[in-house]
C-alpha atoms as a PDB file:
ATOM      1  CA  MET A   1     -40.769  12.348   1.276  1.00  0.00           C
ATOM      2  CA  ARG A   2     -41.209   9.874  -1.544  1.00  0.00           C
ATOM      3  CA  ARG A   3     -41.272   6.215  -0.678  1.00  0.00           C
ATOM      4  CA  GLY A   4     -38.001   5.292  -2.444  1.00  0.00           C
ATOM      5  CA  ALA A   5     -36.184   8.510  -1.545  1.00  0.00           C
ATOM      6  CA  ALA A   6     -34.804   7.306   1.799  1.00  0.00           C
ATOM      7  CA  PRO A   7     -33.070   4.176   0.436  1.00  0.00           C
ATOM      8  CA  ALA A   8     -31.679   6.187  -2.484  1.00  0.00           C
ATOM      9  CA  ARG A   9     -30.308   8.846  -0.124  1.00  0.00           C
ATOM     10  CA  LEU A  10     -28.871   6.124   2.070  1.00  0.00           C
ATOM     11  CA  ARG A  11     -27.107   4.530  -0.920  1.00  0.00           C
ATOM     12  CA  GLU A  12     -25.802   7.945  -1.959  1.00  0.00           C
ATOM     13  CA  PHE A  13     -24.517   8.575   1.551  1.00  0.00           C
ATOM     14  CA  ALA A  14     -22.875   5.135   1.675  1.00  0.00           C
ATOM     15  CA  ALA A  15     -21.212   5.753  -1.694  1.00  0.00           C
ATOM     16  CA  ARG A  16     -19.859   9.122  -0.511  1.00  0.00           C
ATOM     17  CA  ALA A  17     -18.594   7.553   2.712  1.00  0.00           C
ATOM     18  CA  GLU A  18     -16.819   4.790   0.751  1.00  0.00           C
ATOM     19  CA  GLN A  19     -15.319   7.374  -1.590  1.00  0.00           C
ATOM     20  CA  ALA A  20     -14.043   9.374   1.417  1.00  0.00           C
ATOM     21  CA  ARG A  21     -12.495   6.213   2.922  1.00  0.00           C
ATOM     22  CA  GLU A  22     -10.826   5.402  -0.393  1.00  0.00           C
ATOM     23  CA  GLU A  23      -9.455   8.945  -0.708  1.00  0.00           C
ATOM     24  CA  GLU A  24      -8.031   8.662   2.809  1.00  0.00           C
ATOM     25  CA  ARG A  25      -6.445   5.277   1.970  1.00  0.00           C
ATOM     26  CA  ARG A  26      -4.947   6.753  -1.201  1.00  0.00           C
ATOM     27  CA  HIS A  27      -3.578   9.755   0.701  1.00  0.00           C
ATOM     28  CA  LEU A  28      -2.181   7.583   3.493  1.00  0.00           C
ATOM     29  CA  ALA A  29      -0.576   5.161   1.031  1.00  0.00           C
ATOM     30  CA  ARG A  30       1.123   7.959  -0.890  1.00  0.00           C
ATOM     31  CA  THR A  31       2.294   9.716   2.268  1.00  0.00           C
ATOM     32  CA  LEU A  32       3.592   6.483   3.754  1.00  0.00           C
ATOM     33  CA  HIS A  33       5.387   5.520   0.561  1.00  0.00           C
ATOM     34  CA  ASP A  34       6.785   8.961  -0.208  1.00  0.00           C
ATOM     35  CA  GLU A  35       7.711  10.289   3.225  1.00  0.00           C
ATOM     36  CA  LEU A  36       8.717   7.183   5.154  1.00  0.00           C
ATOM     37  CA  GLY A  37      10.199   5.535   2.081  1.00  0.00           C
ATOM     38  CA  GLN A  38      12.384   8.579   1.437  1.00  0.00           C
ATOM     39  CA  VAL A  39      13.650   8.704   5.027  1.00  0.00           C
ATOM     40  CA  LEU A  40      14.426   4.977   5.079  1.00  0.00           C
ATOM     41  CA  THR A  41      16.206   5.163   1.719  1.00  0.00           C
ATOM     42  CA  SER A  42      18.318   8.068   2.985  1.00  0.00           C
ATOM     43  CA  LEU A  43      19.212   6.125   6.126  1.00  0.00           C
ATOM     44  CA  LYS A  44      20.188   3.114   4.052  1.00  0.00           C
ATOM     45  CA  LEU A  45      22.443   5.197   1.791  1.00  0.00           C
ATOM     46  CA  GLU A  46      24.116   6.881   4.772  1.00  0.00           C
ATOM     47  CA  PHE A  47      24.813   3.542   6.460  1.00  0.00           C
ATOM     48  CA  MET A  48      26.162   2.104   3.212  1.00  0.00           C
ATOM     49  CA  TRP A  49      28.465   5.123   2.869  1.00  0.00           C
ATOM     50  CA  LEU A  50      29.640   4.598   6.456  1.00  0.00           C
ATOM     51  CA  VAL A  51      30.402   0.917   5.790  1.00  0.00           C
ATOM     52  CA  ASP A  52      32.392   1.879   2.658  1.00  0.00           C
ATOM     53  CA  GLU A  53      34.345   4.594   4.477  1.00  0.00           C
ATOM     54  CA  LEU A  54      35.162   2.276   7.369  1.00  0.00           C
ATOM     55  CA  GLY A  55      36.471  -0.260   4.846  1.00  0.00           C
ATOM     56  CA  LYS A  56      38.850   2.366   3.448  1.00  0.00           C
ATOM     57  CA  SER A  57      40.071   3.616   6.830  1.00  0.00           C
ATOM     58  CA  ASP A  58      43.355   2.736   8.444  1.00  0.00           C
ATOM     59  CA  PRO A  59      43.424   1.075  10.906  1.00  0.00           C
ATOM     60  CA  LYS A  60      40.570  -1.148   9.816  1.00  0.00           C
ATOM     61  CA  PRO A  61      37.573  -1.278  12.136  1.00  0.00           C
ATOM     62  CA  GLY A  62      36.659  -4.461  13.916  1.00  0.00           C
ATOM     63  CA  ILE A  63      34.682  -6.987  11.914  1.00  0.00           C
ATOM     64  CA  GLN A  64      31.903  -6.853  14.508  1.00  0.00           C
ATOM     65  CA  LEU A  65      31.338  -3.158  13.850  1.00  0.00           C
ATOM     66  CA  VAL A  66      31.190  -3.654  10.079  1.00  0.00           C
ATOM     67  CA  ASN A  67      28.863  -6.649  10.475  1.00  0.00           C
ATOM     68  CA  LYS A  68      26.574  -4.653  12.770  1.00  0.00           C
ATOM     69  CA  LEU A  69      26.393  -1.773  10.288  1.00  0.00           C
ATOM     70  CA  GLN A  70      25.659  -4.168   7.439  1.00  0.00           C
ATOM     71  CA  ALA A  71      22.932  -5.753   9.546  1.00  0.00           C
ATOM     72  CA  LEU A  72      21.417  -2.296  10.072  1.00  0.00           C
ATOM     73  CA  VAL A  73      21.451  -1.729   6.304  1.00  0.00           C
ATOM     74  CA  GLY A  74      19.590  -5.042   5.943  1.00  0.00           C
ATOM     75  CA  LEU A  75      16.988  -4.012   8.541  1.00  0.00           C
ATOM     76  CA  ILE A  76      16.437  -0.733   6.753  1.00  0.00           C
ATOM     77  CA  GLU A  77      15.954  -2.600   3.462  1.00  0.00           C
ATOM     78  CA  VAL A  78      13.369  -4.848   5.127  1.00  0.00           C
ATOM     79  CA  SER A  79      11.630  -1.736   6.470  1.00  0.00           C
ATOM     80  CA  ILE A  80      11.554  -0.215   2.973  1.00  0.00           C
ATOM     81  CA  GLN A  81       9.941  -3.381   1.624  1.00  0.00           C
ATOM     82  CA  SER A  82       7.393  -3.323   4.463  1.00  0.00           C
ATOM     83  CA  VAL A  83       6.461   0.272   3.640  1.00  0.00           C
ATOM     84  CA  ARG A  84       5.944  -0.705   0.005  1.00  0.00           C
ATOM     85  CA  LEU A  85       3.748  -3.656   0.972  1.00  0.00           C
ATOM     86  CA  ILE A  86       1.652  -1.656   3.423  1.00  0.00           C
ATOM     87  CA  ALA A  87       1.219   1.195   0.948  1.00  0.00           C
ATOM     88  CA  GLY A  88       0.281  -1.326  -1.745  1.00  0.00           C
ATOM     89  CA  ASP A  89      -2.279  -2.945   0.548  1.00  0.00           C
ATOM     90  CA  LEU A  90      -3.825   0.437   1.270  1.00  0.00           C
ATOM     91  CA  ARG A  91      -4.020   1.407  -2.381  1.00  0.00           C
ATOM     92  CA  PRO A  92      -2.857  -1.093  -4.977  1.00  0.00           C
ATOM     93  CA  ALA A  93      -1.064   0.718  -7.825  1.00  0.00           C
ATOM     94  CA  VAL A  94      -2.510  -1.831 -10.229  1.00  0.00           C
ATOM     95  CA  LEU A  95      -5.978  -0.428  -9.502  1.00  0.00           C
ATOM     96  CA  ASP A  96      -4.935   3.113 -10.460  1.00  0.00           C
ATOM     97  CA  HIS A  97      -3.188   1.761 -13.560  1.00  0.00           C
ATOM     98  CA  TYR A  98      -6.196  -0.334 -14.604  1.00  0.00           C
ATOM     99  CA  LEU A  99      -8.595   2.562 -14.112  1.00  0.00           C
ATOM    100  CA  SER A 100      -6.423   4.878 -16.193  1.00  0.00           C
ATOM    101  CA  ILE A 101      -6.200   2.327 -19.034  1.00  0.00           C
ATOM    102  CA  THR A 102      -9.893   1.454 -19.154  1.00  0.00           C
ATOM    103  CA  GLY A 103     -11.259   4.902 -18.451  1.00  0.00           C
ATOM    104  CA  MET A 104     -13.606   3.367 -15.890  1.00  0.00           C
ATOM    105  CA  THR A 105     -14.495   5.187 -12.730  1.00  0.00           C
ATOM    106  CA  GLU A 106     -13.678   3.411  -9.519  1.00  0.00           C
ATOM    107  CA  GLU A 107     -17.391   2.859  -8.898  1.00  0.00           C
ATOM    108  CA  GLU A 108     -17.801   1.212 -12.320  1.00  0.00           C
ATOM    109  CA  PHE A 109     -14.793  -1.001 -11.631  1.00  0.00           C
ATOM    110  CA  MET A 110     -16.174  -2.055  -8.234  1.00  0.00           C
ATOM    111  CA  GLU A 111     -19.578  -2.880  -9.726  1.00  0.00           C
ATOM    112  CA  THR A 112     -17.969  -4.918 -12.507  1.00  0.00           C
ATOM    113  CA  MET A 113     -15.818  -6.816  -9.999  1.00  0.00           C
ATOM    114  CA  LYS A 114     -18.828  -7.552  -7.801  1.00  0.00           C
ATOM    115  CA  LYS A 115     -20.926  -8.635 -10.771  1.00  0.00           C
ATOM    116  CA  HIS A 116     -18.293 -11.047 -12.086  1.00  0.00           C
ATOM    117  CA  ARG A 117     -17.039 -12.517  -8.824  1.00  0.00           C
ATOM    118  CA  HIS A 118     -14.240 -14.890  -9.606  1.00  0.00           C
ATOM    119  CA  PRO A 119     -13.581 -17.543  -6.917  1.00  0.00           C
ATOM    120  CA  ARG A 120      -9.885 -16.651  -6.758  1.00  0.00           C
ATOM    121  CA  LEU A 121     -10.701 -13.009  -6.027  1.00  0.00           C
ATOM    122  CA  ARG A 122     -13.119 -13.564  -3.125  1.00  0.00           C
ATOM    123  CA  HIS A 123     -10.470 -12.681  -0.541  1.00  0.00           C
ATOM    124  CA  LEU A 124     -10.239  -9.098  -1.809  1.00  0.00           C
ATOM    125  CA  PRO A 125     -11.722  -6.512   0.563  1.00  0.00           C
ATOM    126  CA  ILE A 126     -14.075  -5.181  -2.113  1.00  0.00           C
ATOM    127  CA  PHE A 127     -16.186  -8.320  -1.760  1.00  0.00           C
ATOM    128  CA  GLY A 128     -16.650  -8.092   1.990  1.00  0.00           C
ATOM    129  CA  GLU A 129     -17.163 -11.298   3.885  1.00  0.00           C
ATOM    130  CA  GLU A 130     -16.950 -14.565   1.971  1.00  0.00           C
ATOM    131  CA  ARG A 131     -20.247 -16.331   1.777  1.00  0.00           C
ATOM    132  CA  GLU A 132     -20.313 -19.867   3.114  1.00  0.00           C
ATOM    133  CA  ASP A 133     -22.121 -21.208   0.055  1.00  0.00           C
ATOM    134  CA  GLU A 134     -19.131 -20.178  -2.123  1.00  0.00           C
ATOM    135  CA  GLU A 135     -16.419 -22.028  -0.207  1.00  0.00           C
END
């Protein structure tokens, strides 16, 4: 085996492993957003319909029941927002958009970001741990 072959193979393996992790994050983010988001949106619409129908009914339901249903609609809305945030944290849509505009591969983007480390971007996971000399 050539002297530099082992480190090169190790880098190649590390790059493939990172690509596999990123694919899994992308898949998980889409599944979370699409599947759970759809279920929560359906629940919200059904509860909103129920609140509207109760408002039209005679005799009118108790205010506590209507308030409780409206509170459930609010909780579902918060859950929808949480799903969006979690999915965005797993795979920011802005990254996909940027890559499609620039034509860069994800690897090229990551190398560019690492090369031009901006102090306000150090918290991003692509940079790993913050170095003490940069704080």
